[in-house]
Each structure stands twice: as structure tokens, then as C-alpha cells.
Amino acid sequence: MQFKAFEPGVEVNAPTVAAVIAGMGYFTKISRRALSEVGIGTVVDDKLVLDMHAWYSQEAWLKAFETIARQVGNSALFNIGMSIPVNAEFPAGAVDVTTAVRSIDIAYHINHRKNGRLLYDAETGVMHEGIGHYGCEPVSGKNEILCVCKNPYPCSFDRGIIKAMAQRFAPDAQVMHDDDAECREEGADSCTYRVYW
């Protein structure tokens, strides 16, 4: 179900939170207010000031997402998702659409921590649980990937992240929500997307 953290004690880093502002375009005032109302950053001179070394509650961040969705709609969430790869830390090494989309799950874990522990250790390659995953299953013989995303983030937001990463290597790549699968907008735990290029 979107907007509901899987577990307590999870935090997201400030550069990832900054993507909300970057992705809001004309609606930055709404995002500033939504974030500051849940204790993320401080509004100074009509700008949201974040401590870029800080970690913020995932539960609070999801509440801000919910406010933004209610006030602006899914297109804003999609745009925020498109801005995530520009603002958040992603692992190096992607060489094509598949490796780029596969890197989303690692980046997701790099940019979150639980009870003060990063959820991905780059030195050991160990990924810790607690926030769900971004799946990446290539379809044999086709330029297509099936992505099952089981996490608390909004459906449209995830579609934006996947599209931004796919388009790094295939500018015409398209990401379609699989309407035959369950959807977080309808209370499910995951959404499924198909990437074509």
C-alpha cells in the first residue's frame, strides 16, 4: 500500500528528499509546505532549507508525498520520480537499460537506512531488508523488462524513476503500468511495470 512505511525506524537521506523540490516544477510551494509540515526542513525566505547531511523519517516523507498527491496529483509524483536519478546517489556501472533499471534497487537501499544502519553495504554487497524492493526481470528475446515494485512509495513515482533510468540508455524507452497486475493505488503491496525500448 502506498504512503505506508513497511517498518518503523527507516530514514531517507536529504539528497533524495531534495528530489521532491526538483521534481515539482511550478508547484514547489506545495512541496515546501508539505515537507516542512511533517518536520522535514525549514522554510526560510520562501525556500525549503535542508541539512544535506541529515536523514529524515521515511514515515514523514511518505506523509508529504500523500499531501502532494492529494493536492497536485499523480503527474507531480511521476515528475518527482523522474528527478530522483538526478538527485539521489546511484551506483556506477550501468551499461544498458537492464543494468540501469537493476541499479534502482541498489540505489533505493543506498539512500535509506534503518535504526542508523545503511540498508546497502557497498563494500560487501550486502543488502538489508525493511523497505521492499524494485524488481528487474528481463523478458527473454525482447527489449522488455518486467519490474515488480514492492515498496511504500506511490505508483506514479516509481514509474517515473524507472523511466528516467531506462531513458539513460534508450531515450525512447516507455514504461507502462501492468493494469492486469495488482496496484498500490488500490491497496495492494506492489505494482508491476513493463519497460519497452
N, C-alpha and C. Protein backbone atom coordinates (compact mmCIF):
# COMPACT_ATOMS: atom_id res chain seq x y z
N MET A 1 0.85 -1.17 0.00
CA MET A 1 0.00 0.00 0.00
C MET A 1 0.90 1.23 0.00
N GLN A 2 0.62 2.16 -0.90
CA GLN A 2 1.48 3.33 -0.99
C GLN A 2 1.26 4.27 0.21
N PHE A 3 2.30 5.01 0.53
CA PHE A 3 2.34 6.02 1.59
C PHE A 3 2.44 5.43 3.00
N LYS A 4 2.58 4.12 3.17
CA LYS A 4 2.67 3.50 4.48
C LYS A 4 4.00 2.75 4.60
N ALA A 5 4.87 3.22 5.50
CA ALA A 5 6.17 2.58 5.69
C ALA A 5 5.98 1.11 6.07
N PHE A 6 6.88 0.26 5.58
CA PHE A 6 6.81 -1.16 5.90
C PHE A 6 7.21 -1.42 7.34
N GLU A 7 8.19 -0.66 7.84
CA GLU A 7 8.70 -0.86 9.19
C GLU A 7 9.05 0.49 9.80
N PRO A 8 8.98 0.60 11.13
CA PRO A 8 9.40 1.85 11.78
C PRO A 8 10.92 1.98 11.79
N GLY A 9 11.41 3.18 12.03
CA GLY A 9 12.84 3.40 12.17
C GLY A 9 13.59 3.59 10.87
N VAL A 10 12.88 3.68 9.75
CA VAL A 10 13.53 3.85 8.45
C VAL A 10 13.66 5.35 8.16
N GLU A 11 14.81 5.71 7.60
CA GLU A 11 15.07 7.11 7.25
C GLU A 11 15.57 7.19 5.81
N VAL A 12 15.38 8.36 5.21
CA VAL A 12 15.82 8.63 3.85
C VAL A 12 16.78 9.82 3.91
N ASN A 13 17.80 9.81 3.06
CA ASN A 13 18.79 10.90 3.13
C ASN A 13 18.29 12.17 2.44
N ALA A 14 18.90 13.28 2.84
CA ALA A 14 18.47 14.60 2.36
C ALA A 14 18.57 14.78 0.84
N PRO A 15 19.64 14.31 0.17
CA PRO A 15 19.67 14.48 -1.29
C PRO A 15 18.47 13.83 -2.00
N THR A 16 18.00 12.71 -1.48
CA THR A 16 16.83 12.07 -2.07
C THR A 16 15.58 12.91 -1.82
N VAL A 17 15.46 13.45 -0.60
CA VAL A 17 14.33 14.33 -0.29
C VAL A 17 14.35 15.56 -1.19
N ALA A 18 15.53 16.06 -1.50
CA ALA A 18 15.66 17.25 -2.36
C ALA A 18 15.05 17.03 -3.74
N ALA A 19 14.95 15.76 -4.16
CA ALA A 19 14.35 15.45 -5.45
C ALA A 19 12.89 15.86 -5.50
N VAL A 20 12.22 15.89 -4.35
CA VAL A 20 10.82 16.32 -4.32
C VAL A 20 10.72 17.75 -4.81
N ILE A 21 11.58 18.61 -4.31
CA ILE A 21 11.57 20.02 -4.73
C ILE A 21 11.93 20.11 -6.22
N ALA A 22 12.97 19.38 -6.63
CA ALA A 22 13.41 19.43 -8.03
C ALA A 22 12.33 18.96 -9.00
N GLY A 23 11.52 18.02 -8.57
CA GLY A 23 10.52 17.45 -9.47
C GLY A 23 9.18 18.17 -9.48
N MET A 24 9.02 19.19 -8.66
CA MET A 24 7.70 19.83 -8.53
C MET A 24 7.44 20.95 -9.52
N GLY A 25 8.45 21.45 -10.19
CA GLY A 25 8.22 22.49 -11.19
C GLY A 25 7.49 23.69 -10.60
N TYR A 26 6.33 24.02 -11.18
CA TYR A 26 5.55 25.19 -10.76
C TYR A 26 4.93 25.03 -9.37
N PHE A 27 4.93 23.83 -8.85
CA PHE A 27 4.24 23.56 -7.58
C PHE A 27 5.20 23.43 -6.40
N THR A 28 6.36 24.07 -6.47
CA THR A 28 7.34 23.93 -5.39
C THR A 28 6.81 24.44 -4.05
N LYS A 29 5.93 25.42 -4.07
CA LYS A 29 5.39 25.94 -2.81
C LYS A 29 4.62 24.84 -2.06
N ILE A 30 3.88 24.03 -2.80
CA ILE A 30 3.13 22.93 -2.19
C ILE A 30 4.09 21.92 -1.56
N SER A 31 5.16 21.59 -2.28
CA SER A 31 6.11 20.61 -1.74
C SER A 31 6.85 21.18 -0.53
N ARG A 32 7.22 22.44 -0.56
CA ARG A 32 7.88 23.05 0.59
C ARG A 32 7.00 22.97 1.82
N ARG A 33 5.73 23.33 1.64
CA ARG A 33 4.80 23.30 2.77
C ARG A 33 4.57 21.87 3.25
N ALA A 34 4.38 20.94 2.31
CA ALA A 34 4.13 19.54 2.70
C ALA A 34 5.30 18.96 3.47
N LEU A 35 6.52 19.25 3.05
CA LEU A 35 7.70 18.72 3.73
C LEU A 35 7.90 19.39 5.08
N SER A 36 7.80 20.71 5.14
CA SER A 36 8.03 21.41 6.42
C SER A 36 6.96 21.05 7.45
N GLU A 37 5.74 20.80 7.01
CA GLU A 37 4.66 20.45 7.95
C GLU A 37 4.90 19.12 8.65
N VAL A 38 5.70 18.24 8.04
CA VAL A 38 5.99 16.95 8.68
C VAL A 38 7.38 16.93 9.31
N GLY A 39 7.99 18.11 9.42
CA GLY A 39 9.27 18.23 10.11
C GLY A 39 10.49 17.97 9.24
N ILE A 40 10.32 18.03 7.93
CA ILE A 40 11.46 17.86 7.02
C ILE A 40 11.85 19.23 6.49
N GLY A 41 12.99 19.72 6.94
CA GLY A 41 13.48 21.03 6.51
C GLY A 41 12.74 22.17 7.18
N THR A 42 13.20 23.37 6.85
CA THR A 42 12.63 24.60 7.39
C THR A 42 12.46 25.58 6.25
N VAL A 43 11.32 26.24 6.19
CA VAL A 43 11.10 27.25 5.15
C VAL A 43 11.72 28.57 5.63
N VAL A 44 12.67 29.09 4.83
CA VAL A 44 13.33 30.37 5.10
C VAL A 44 13.30 31.17 3.81
N ASP A 45 12.74 32.37 3.89
CA ASP A 45 12.64 33.24 2.70
C ASP A 45 12.01 32.51 1.52
N ASP A 46 10.93 31.80 1.80
CA ASP A 46 10.16 31.08 0.79
C ASP A 46 10.93 29.95 0.11
N LYS A 47 11.99 29.44 0.77
CA LYS A 47 12.75 28.30 0.26
C LYS A 47 12.84 27.26 1.35
N LEU A 48 12.83 25.99 0.95
CA LEU A 48 13.00 24.92 1.92
C LEU A 48 14.49 24.68 2.13
N VAL A 49 14.93 24.79 3.36
CA VAL A 49 16.33 24.56 3.71
C VAL A 49 16.45 23.19 4.34
N LEU A 50 17.27 22.37 3.71
CA LEU A 50 17.54 21.01 4.22
C LEU A 50 18.99 20.94 4.66
N ASP A 51 19.25 20.21 5.72
CA ASP A 51 20.61 19.85 6.07
C ASP A 51 20.97 18.68 5.16
N MET A 52 21.83 18.91 4.18
CA MET A 52 22.10 17.90 3.16
C MET A 52 22.87 16.69 3.69
N HIS A 53 23.25 16.72 4.97
CA HIS A 53 23.89 15.56 5.59
C HIS A 53 22.93 14.82 6.52
N ALA A 54 21.71 15.31 6.60
CA ALA A 54 20.73 14.75 7.54
C ALA A 54 19.98 13.57 6.93
N TRP A 55 19.35 12.83 7.82
CA TRP A 55 18.45 11.75 7.45
C TRP A 55 17.08 12.11 8.02
N TYR A 56 16.04 11.84 7.25
CA TYR A 56 14.68 12.22 7.65
C TYR A 56 13.79 10.98 7.70
N SER A 57 12.81 11.03 8.55
CA SER A 57 11.88 9.92 8.74
C SER A 57 11.19 9.56 7.42
N GLN A 58 11.24 8.28 7.07
CA GLN A 58 10.53 7.83 5.88
C GLN A 58 9.03 7.99 6.06
N GLU A 59 8.54 7.75 7.27
CA GLU A 59 7.10 7.91 7.53
C GLU A 59 6.67 9.34 7.28
N ALA A 60 7.48 10.31 7.71
CA ALA A 60 7.16 11.72 7.47
C ALA A 60 7.23 12.03 5.98
N TRP A 61 8.24 11.50 5.31
CA TRP A 61 8.39 11.76 3.88
C TRP A 61 7.20 11.21 3.10
N LEU A 62 6.75 10.03 3.48
CA LEU A 62 5.57 9.44 2.82
C LEU A 62 4.32 10.26 3.08
N LYS A 63 4.19 10.86 4.28
CA LYS A 63 3.05 11.74 4.54
C LYS A 63 3.10 12.96 3.63
N ALA A 64 4.29 13.50 3.41
CA ALA A 64 4.43 14.63 2.49
C ALA A 64 4.04 14.22 1.08
N PHE A 65 4.47 13.03 0.64
CA PHE A 65 4.08 12.52 -0.67
C PHE A 65 2.56 12.44 -0.79
N GLU A 66 1.92 11.95 0.26
CA GLU A 66 0.47 11.80 0.24
C GLU A 66 -0.21 13.17 0.09
N THR A 67 0.30 14.16 0.79
CA THR A 67 -0.25 15.53 0.67
C THR A 67 -0.07 16.06 -0.74
N ILE A 68 1.12 15.86 -1.29
CA ILE A 68 1.40 16.32 -2.66
C ILE A 68 0.47 15.63 -3.65
N ALA A 69 0.29 14.33 -3.49
CA ALA A 69 -0.60 13.59 -4.40
C ALA A 69 -2.02 14.11 -4.31
N ARG A 70 -2.49 14.38 -3.11
CA ARG A 70 -3.86 14.86 -2.92
C ARG A 70 -4.04 16.26 -3.52
N GLN A 71 -3.03 17.11 -3.39
CA GLN A 71 -3.16 18.50 -3.84
C GLN A 71 -2.80 18.72 -5.30
N VAL A 72 -1.88 17.93 -5.82
CA VAL A 72 -1.40 18.18 -7.18
C VAL A 72 -1.69 17.02 -8.13
N GLY A 73 -1.68 15.79 -7.62
CA GLY A 73 -2.00 14.65 -8.47
C GLY A 73 -0.80 13.79 -8.84
N ASN A 74 -1.10 12.72 -9.56
CA ASN A 74 -0.09 11.74 -9.92
C ASN A 74 0.96 12.24 -10.88
N SER A 75 0.65 13.23 -11.69
CA SER A 75 1.66 13.74 -12.63
C SER A 75 2.82 14.36 -11.86
N ALA A 76 2.54 15.01 -10.73
CA ALA A 76 3.61 15.57 -9.91
C ALA A 76 4.47 14.44 -9.33
N LEU A 77 3.84 13.36 -8.89
CA LEU A 77 4.59 12.24 -8.34
C LEU A 77 5.48 11.61 -9.41
N PHE A 78 4.97 11.51 -10.64
CA PHE A 78 5.76 10.98 -11.75
C PHE A 78 6.98 11.88 -11.99
N ASN A 79 6.78 13.20 -11.99
CA ASN A 79 7.89 14.14 -12.21
C ASN A 79 8.93 14.05 -11.10
N ILE A 80 8.48 13.87 -9.87
CA ILE A 80 9.42 13.70 -8.76
C ILE A 80 10.23 12.43 -8.99
N GLY A 81 9.58 11.36 -9.39
CA GLY A 81 10.29 10.12 -9.69
C GLY A 81 11.33 10.30 -10.79
N MET A 82 10.98 11.05 -11.82
CA MET A 82 11.93 11.32 -12.91
C MET A 82 13.15 12.07 -12.41
N SER A 83 13.00 12.88 -11.34
CA SER A 83 14.12 13.66 -10.84
C SER A 83 15.00 12.90 -9.84
N ILE A 84 14.54 11.77 -9.34
CA ILE A 84 15.30 11.00 -8.35
C ILE A 84 16.70 10.61 -8.87
N PRO A 85 16.83 10.04 -10.07
CA PRO A 85 18.17 9.65 -10.52
C PRO A 85 19.14 10.82 -10.68
N VAL A 86 18.64 12.03 -10.81
CA VAL A 86 19.49 13.21 -10.94
C VAL A 86 19.99 13.64 -9.56
N ASN A 87 19.19 13.43 -8.52
CA ASN A 87 19.49 13.95 -7.19
C ASN A 87 20.03 12.92 -6.21
N ALA A 88 19.55 11.70 -6.27
CA ALA A 88 19.95 10.68 -5.30
C ALA A 88 21.21 9.95 -5.77
N GLU A 89 21.86 9.28 -4.84
CA GLU A 89 23.06 8.50 -5.18
C GLU A 89 22.66 7.20 -5.85
N PHE A 90 23.29 6.92 -7.00
CA PHE A 90 23.08 5.68 -7.73
C PHE A 90 24.43 5.00 -7.92
N PRO A 91 24.47 3.68 -7.93
CA PRO A 91 25.75 3.01 -8.13
C PRO A 91 26.25 3.19 -9.55
N ALA A 92 27.56 3.23 -9.70
CA ALA A 92 28.16 3.31 -11.03
C ALA A 92 28.10 1.93 -11.67
N GLY A 93 28.30 1.88 -12.96
CA GLY A 93 28.42 0.59 -13.62
C GLY A 93 27.30 0.21 -14.56
N ALA A 94 26.25 1.02 -14.65
CA ALA A 94 25.18 0.69 -15.61
C ALA A 94 25.71 0.89 -17.02
N VAL A 95 25.44 -0.10 -17.89
CA VAL A 95 25.94 -0.03 -19.26
C VAL A 95 24.83 -0.15 -20.30
N ASP A 96 23.60 -0.47 -19.84
CA ASP A 96 22.48 -0.62 -20.75
C ASP A 96 21.18 -0.46 -19.95
N VAL A 97 20.07 -0.60 -20.63
CA VAL A 97 18.78 -0.41 -19.97
C VAL A 97 18.61 -1.39 -18.80
N THR A 98 18.95 -2.64 -19.02
CA THR A 98 18.75 -3.64 -17.97
C THR A 98 19.57 -3.34 -16.73
N THR A 99 20.86 -3.03 -16.90
CA THR A 99 21.68 -2.75 -15.72
C THR A 99 21.27 -1.43 -15.06
N ALA A 100 20.79 -0.49 -15.84
CA ALA A 100 20.31 0.78 -15.26
C ALA A 100 19.07 0.54 -14.40
N VAL A 101 18.12 -0.22 -14.92
CA VAL A 101 16.90 -0.50 -14.16
C VAL A 101 17.22 -1.37 -12.95
N ARG A 102 18.14 -2.31 -13.11
CA ARG A 102 18.53 -3.17 -11.99
C ARG A 102 19.18 -2.35 -10.87
N SER A 103 19.87 -1.28 -11.23
CA SER A 103 20.57 -0.46 -10.22
C SER A 103 19.60 0.30 -9.31
N ILE A 104 18.33 0.41 -9.71
CA ILE A 104 17.36 1.15 -8.90
C ILE A 104 17.24 0.53 -7.51
N ASP A 105 17.19 -0.78 -7.42
CA ASP A 105 17.02 -1.43 -6.12
C ASP A 105 18.23 -1.16 -5.22
N ILE A 106 19.43 -1.20 -5.79
CA ILE A 106 20.63 -0.90 -5.00
C ILE A 106 20.59 0.55 -4.55
N ALA A 107 20.29 1.47 -5.47
CA ALA A 107 20.21 2.89 -5.11
C ALA A 107 19.17 3.13 -4.02
N TYR A 108 18.05 2.46 -4.13
CA TYR A 108 16.99 2.57 -3.13
C TYR A 108 17.53 2.23 -1.75
N HIS A 109 18.29 1.17 -1.66
CA HIS A 109 18.85 0.74 -0.37
C HIS A 109 20.02 1.62 0.08
N ILE A 110 20.80 2.17 -0.86
CA ILE A 110 21.88 3.08 -0.52
C ILE A 110 21.34 4.35 0.15
N ASN A 111 20.20 4.82 -0.31
CA ASN A 111 19.66 6.10 0.13
C ASN A 111 18.70 6.00 1.30
N HIS A 112 18.60 4.82 1.89
CA HIS A 112 17.76 4.60 3.07
C HIS A 112 18.59 3.92 4.16
N ARG A 113 18.21 4.15 5.38
CA ARG A 113 18.83 3.43 6.49
C ARG A 113 17.75 3.09 7.51
N LYS A 114 18.07 2.12 8.36
CA LYS A 114 17.13 1.69 9.40
C LYS A 114 17.87 1.63 10.72
N ASN A 115 17.32 2.32 11.69
CA ASN A 115 17.95 2.37 13.01
C ASN A 115 19.43 2.75 12.91
N GLY A 116 19.73 3.70 12.00
CA GLY A 116 21.09 4.21 11.84
C GLY A 116 22.00 3.40 10.95
N ARG A 117 21.56 2.24 10.45
CA ARG A 117 22.40 1.38 9.60
C ARG A 117 21.96 1.49 8.15
N LEU A 118 22.92 1.80 7.26
CA LEU A 118 22.61 1.83 5.83
C LEU A 118 22.05 0.48 5.40
N LEU A 119 21.11 0.50 4.47
CA LEU A 119 20.48 -0.74 4.04
C LEU A 119 21.22 -1.42 2.88
N TYR A 120 22.32 -0.82 2.45
CA TYR A 120 23.17 -1.47 1.46
C TYR A 120 24.63 -1.16 1.81
N ASP A 121 25.43 -2.18 1.90
CA ASP A 121 26.86 -2.04 2.17
C ASP A 121 27.61 -2.23 0.85
N ALA A 122 28.14 -1.15 0.32
CA ALA A 122 28.81 -1.20 -0.99
C ALA A 122 30.06 -2.07 -0.95
N GLU A 123 30.73 -2.15 0.18
CA GLU A 123 31.95 -2.95 0.27
C GLU A 123 31.67 -4.44 0.21
N THR A 124 30.61 -4.88 0.87
CA THR A 124 30.30 -6.31 0.92
C THR A 124 29.22 -6.73 -0.07
N GLY A 125 28.44 -5.75 -0.56
CA GLY A 125 27.32 -6.07 -1.44
C GLY A 125 26.11 -6.59 -0.70
N VAL A 126 26.12 -6.49 0.63
CA VAL A 126 25.02 -6.99 1.44
C VAL A 126 23.89 -5.96 1.48
N MET A 127 22.70 -6.43 1.17
CA MET A 127 21.50 -5.59 1.20
C MET A 127 20.64 -6.04 2.36
N HIS A 128 20.23 -5.08 3.19
CA HIS A 128 19.39 -5.39 4.34
C HIS A 128 17.93 -5.11 4.00
N GLU A 129 17.05 -5.80 4.69
CA GLU A 129 15.61 -5.71 4.42
C GLU A 129 14.94 -4.63 5.26
N GLY A 130 13.68 -4.35 4.92
CA GLY A 130 12.88 -3.43 5.71
C GLY A 130 12.14 -2.38 4.90
N ILE A 131 12.51 -2.26 3.61
CA ILE A 131 11.87 -1.21 2.79
C ILE A 131 11.28 -1.75 1.49
N GLY A 132 11.42 -3.03 1.24
CA GLY A 132 10.91 -3.59 -0.01
C GLY A 132 11.96 -3.52 -1.11
N HIS A 133 11.50 -3.73 -2.35
CA HIS A 133 12.44 -3.82 -3.47
C HIS A 133 11.85 -3.28 -4.77
N TYR A 134 12.77 -3.01 -5.70
CA TYR A 134 12.45 -2.70 -7.10
C TYR A 134 12.94 -3.88 -7.92
N GLY A 135 12.01 -4.65 -8.47
CA GLY A 135 12.39 -5.82 -9.25
C GLY A 135 12.82 -5.46 -10.66
N CYS A 136 13.57 -6.38 -11.27
CA CYS A 136 14.04 -6.19 -12.65
C CYS A 136 14.22 -7.57 -13.27
N GLU A 137 13.26 -7.97 -14.10
CA GLU A 137 13.30 -9.29 -14.73
C GLU A 137 13.23 -9.12 -16.26
N PRO A 138 14.38 -9.25 -16.95
CA PRO A 138 14.36 -9.14 -18.42
C PRO A 138 13.49 -10.21 -19.05
N VAL A 139 12.79 -9.86 -20.10
CA VAL A 139 11.96 -10.79 -20.85
C VAL A 139 12.83 -11.38 -21.97
N SER A 140 12.98 -12.67 -21.98
CA SER A 140 13.87 -13.35 -22.92
C SER A 140 13.53 -13.03 -24.37
N GLY A 141 14.56 -12.65 -25.13
CA GLY A 141 14.40 -12.43 -26.56
C GLY A 141 13.74 -11.12 -26.94
N LYS A 142 13.47 -10.24 -25.97
CA LYS A 142 12.80 -8.97 -26.26
C LYS A 142 13.52 -7.83 -25.56
N ASN A 143 13.33 -6.64 -26.09
CA ASN A 143 13.79 -5.44 -25.39
C ASN A 143 12.68 -5.03 -24.43
N GLU A 144 12.56 -5.81 -23.39
CA GLU A 144 11.48 -5.62 -22.42
C GLU A 144 11.95 -6.10 -21.05
N ILE A 145 11.53 -5.39 -20.03
CA ILE A 145 11.82 -5.76 -18.64
C ILE A 145 10.52 -5.71 -17.86
N LEU A 146 10.33 -6.67 -17.01
CA LEU A 146 9.20 -6.69 -16.08
C LEU A 146 9.72 -6.24 -14.72
N CYS A 147 9.12 -5.19 -14.17
CA CYS A 147 9.54 -4.64 -12.87
C CYS A 147 8.39 -4.76 -11.88
N VAL A 148 8.58 -5.58 -10.87
CA VAL A 148 7.61 -5.65 -9.78
C VAL A 148 8.19 -4.83 -8.64
N CYS A 149 7.50 -3.76 -8.28
CA CYS A 149 7.97 -2.85 -7.25
C CYS A 149 7.12 -3.04 -6.01
N LYS A 150 7.75 -3.59 -4.98
CA LYS A 150 7.06 -3.80 -3.71
C LYS A 150 7.73 -2.90 -2.68
N ASN A 151 7.16 -1.73 -2.50
CA ASN A 151 7.69 -0.74 -1.57
C ASN A 151 6.57 0.23 -1.22
N PRO A 152 6.77 1.12 -0.26
CA PRO A 152 5.69 2.00 0.17
C PRO A 152 5.52 3.27 -0.64
N TYR A 153 6.28 3.42 -1.72
CA TYR A 153 6.22 4.67 -2.48
C TYR A 153 5.06 4.66 -3.47
N PRO A 154 4.63 5.83 -3.92
CA PRO A 154 3.48 5.90 -4.83
C PRO A 154 3.77 5.29 -6.19
N CYS A 155 2.75 4.73 -6.78
CA CYS A 155 2.82 4.07 -8.07
C CYS A 155 3.43 4.98 -9.15
N SER A 156 2.91 6.17 -9.29
CA SER A 156 3.38 7.09 -10.34
C SER A 156 4.83 7.51 -10.12
N PHE A 157 5.24 7.65 -8.87
CA PHE A 157 6.61 7.99 -8.51
C PHE A 157 7.56 6.90 -9.02
N ASP A 158 7.23 5.64 -8.76
CA ASP A 158 8.08 4.54 -9.22
C ASP A 158 8.15 4.47 -10.74
N ARG A 159 7.05 4.71 -11.39
CA ARG A 159 7.06 4.71 -12.87
C ARG A 159 8.02 5.78 -13.38
N GLY A 160 8.06 6.93 -12.71
CA GLY A 160 8.98 8.00 -13.11
C GLY A 160 10.44 7.60 -12.93
N ILE A 161 10.77 6.98 -11.79
CA ILE A 161 12.16 6.54 -11.56
C ILE A 161 12.58 5.54 -12.63
N ILE A 162 11.73 4.56 -12.90
CA ILE A 162 12.07 3.52 -13.86
C ILE A 162 12.26 4.12 -15.25
N LYS A 163 11.38 5.03 -15.63
CA LYS A 163 11.50 5.64 -16.96
C LYS A 163 12.79 6.47 -17.07
N ALA A 164 13.10 7.24 -16.04
CA ALA A 164 14.32 8.06 -16.08
C ALA A 164 15.56 7.19 -16.23
N MET A 165 15.60 6.08 -15.52
CA MET A 165 16.77 5.20 -15.63
C MET A 165 16.83 4.50 -16.98
N ALA A 166 15.71 4.03 -17.48
CA ALA A 166 15.69 3.35 -18.79
C ALA A 166 16.10 4.32 -19.89
N GLN A 167 15.65 5.55 -19.80
CA GLN A 167 15.94 6.52 -20.86
C GLN A 167 17.39 7.00 -20.87
N ARG A 168 18.16 6.66 -19.86
CA ARG A 168 19.59 6.97 -19.89
C ARG A 168 20.27 6.23 -21.04
N PHE A 169 19.77 5.05 -21.36
CA PHE A 169 20.39 4.23 -22.40
C PHE A 169 19.50 4.02 -23.62
N ALA A 170 18.22 4.31 -23.48
CA ALA A 170 17.29 4.20 -24.61
C ALA A 170 16.32 5.38 -24.50
N PRO A 171 16.66 6.52 -25.11
CA PRO A 171 15.87 7.74 -24.94
C PRO A 171 14.39 7.59 -25.28
N ASP A 172 14.03 6.60 -26.08
CA ASP A 172 12.63 6.40 -26.44
C ASP A 172 11.95 5.33 -25.58
N ALA A 173 12.62 4.86 -24.54
CA ALA A 173 12.06 3.81 -23.69
C ALA A 173 10.73 4.27 -23.09
N GLN A 174 9.81 3.32 -23.00
CA GLN A 174 8.49 3.58 -22.41
C GLN A 174 8.29 2.66 -21.22
N VAL A 175 7.57 3.15 -20.23
CA VAL A 175 7.25 2.36 -19.06
C VAL A 175 5.74 2.37 -18.89
N MET A 176 5.17 1.20 -18.94
CA MET A 176 3.72 1.06 -18.84
C MET A 176 3.36 0.31 -17.57
N HIS A 177 2.36 0.81 -16.86
CA HIS A 177 1.84 0.09 -15.70
C HIS A 177 1.09 -1.13 -16.21
N ASP A 178 1.34 -2.28 -15.61
CA ASP A 178 0.63 -3.50 -15.99
C ASP A 178 -0.72 -3.51 -15.27
N ASP A 179 -1.75 -3.12 -15.97
CA ASP A 179 -3.07 -2.99 -15.36
C ASP A 179 -3.72 -4.33 -15.03
N ASP A 180 -3.12 -5.43 -15.50
CA ASP A 180 -3.64 -6.75 -15.16
C ASP A 180 -3.08 -7.24 -13.82
N ALA A 181 -2.08 -6.53 -13.30
CA ALA A 181 -1.48 -6.90 -12.01
C ALA A 181 -2.06 -6.00 -10.92
N GLU A 182 -1.79 -6.33 -9.67
CA GLU A 182 -2.28 -5.52 -8.56
C GLU A 182 -1.59 -4.16 -8.55
N CYS A 183 -2.19 -3.22 -7.81
CA CYS A 183 -1.66 -1.85 -7.80
C CYS A 183 -1.76 -1.27 -6.39
N ARG A 184 -0.72 -0.55 -5.99
CA ARG A 184 -0.71 0.08 -4.66
C ARG A 184 -1.79 1.14 -4.52
N GLU A 185 -2.18 1.77 -5.63
CA GLU A 185 -3.26 2.77 -5.57
C GLU A 185 -4.58 2.14 -5.13
N GLU A 186 -4.68 0.82 -5.30
CA GLU A 186 -5.89 0.10 -4.91
C GLU A 186 -5.68 -0.72 -3.64
N GLY A 187 -4.62 -0.40 -2.89
CA GLY A 187 -4.37 -1.05 -1.61
C GLY A 187 -3.45 -2.25 -1.65
N ALA A 188 -2.91 -2.60 -2.81
CA ALA A 188 -2.00 -3.74 -2.91
C ALA A 188 -0.62 -3.38 -2.36
N ASP A 189 0.24 -4.38 -2.22
CA ASP A 189 1.59 -4.17 -1.72
C ASP A 189 2.60 -3.85 -2.82
N SER A 190 2.20 -4.06 -4.08
CA SER A 190 3.15 -3.86 -5.17
C SER A 190 2.44 -3.38 -6.44
N CYS A 191 3.26 -2.89 -7.35
CA CYS A 191 2.81 -2.55 -8.71
C CYS A 191 3.77 -3.21 -9.69
N THR A 192 3.28 -3.48 -10.88
CA THR A 192 4.11 -4.09 -11.91
C THR A 192 4.15 -3.16 -13.12
N TYR A 193 5.36 -3.01 -13.66
CA TYR A 193 5.57 -2.13 -14.82
C TYR A 193 6.30 -2.93 -15.88
N ARG A 194 6.03 -2.56 -17.13
CA ARG A 194 6.74 -3.15 -18.26
C ARG A 194 7.53 -2.05 -18.95
N VAL A 195 8.82 -2.28 -19.11
CA VAL A 195 9.71 -1.34 -19.78
C VAL A 195 9.95 -1.85 -21.19
N TYR A 196 9.71 -1.01 -22.19
CA TYR A 196 9.93 -1.37 -23.60
C TYR A 196 10.89 -0.37 -24.22
N TRP A 197 11.79 -0.86 -25.09
CA TRP A 197 12.67 0.04 -25.85
C TRP A 197 13.06 -0.59 -27.16
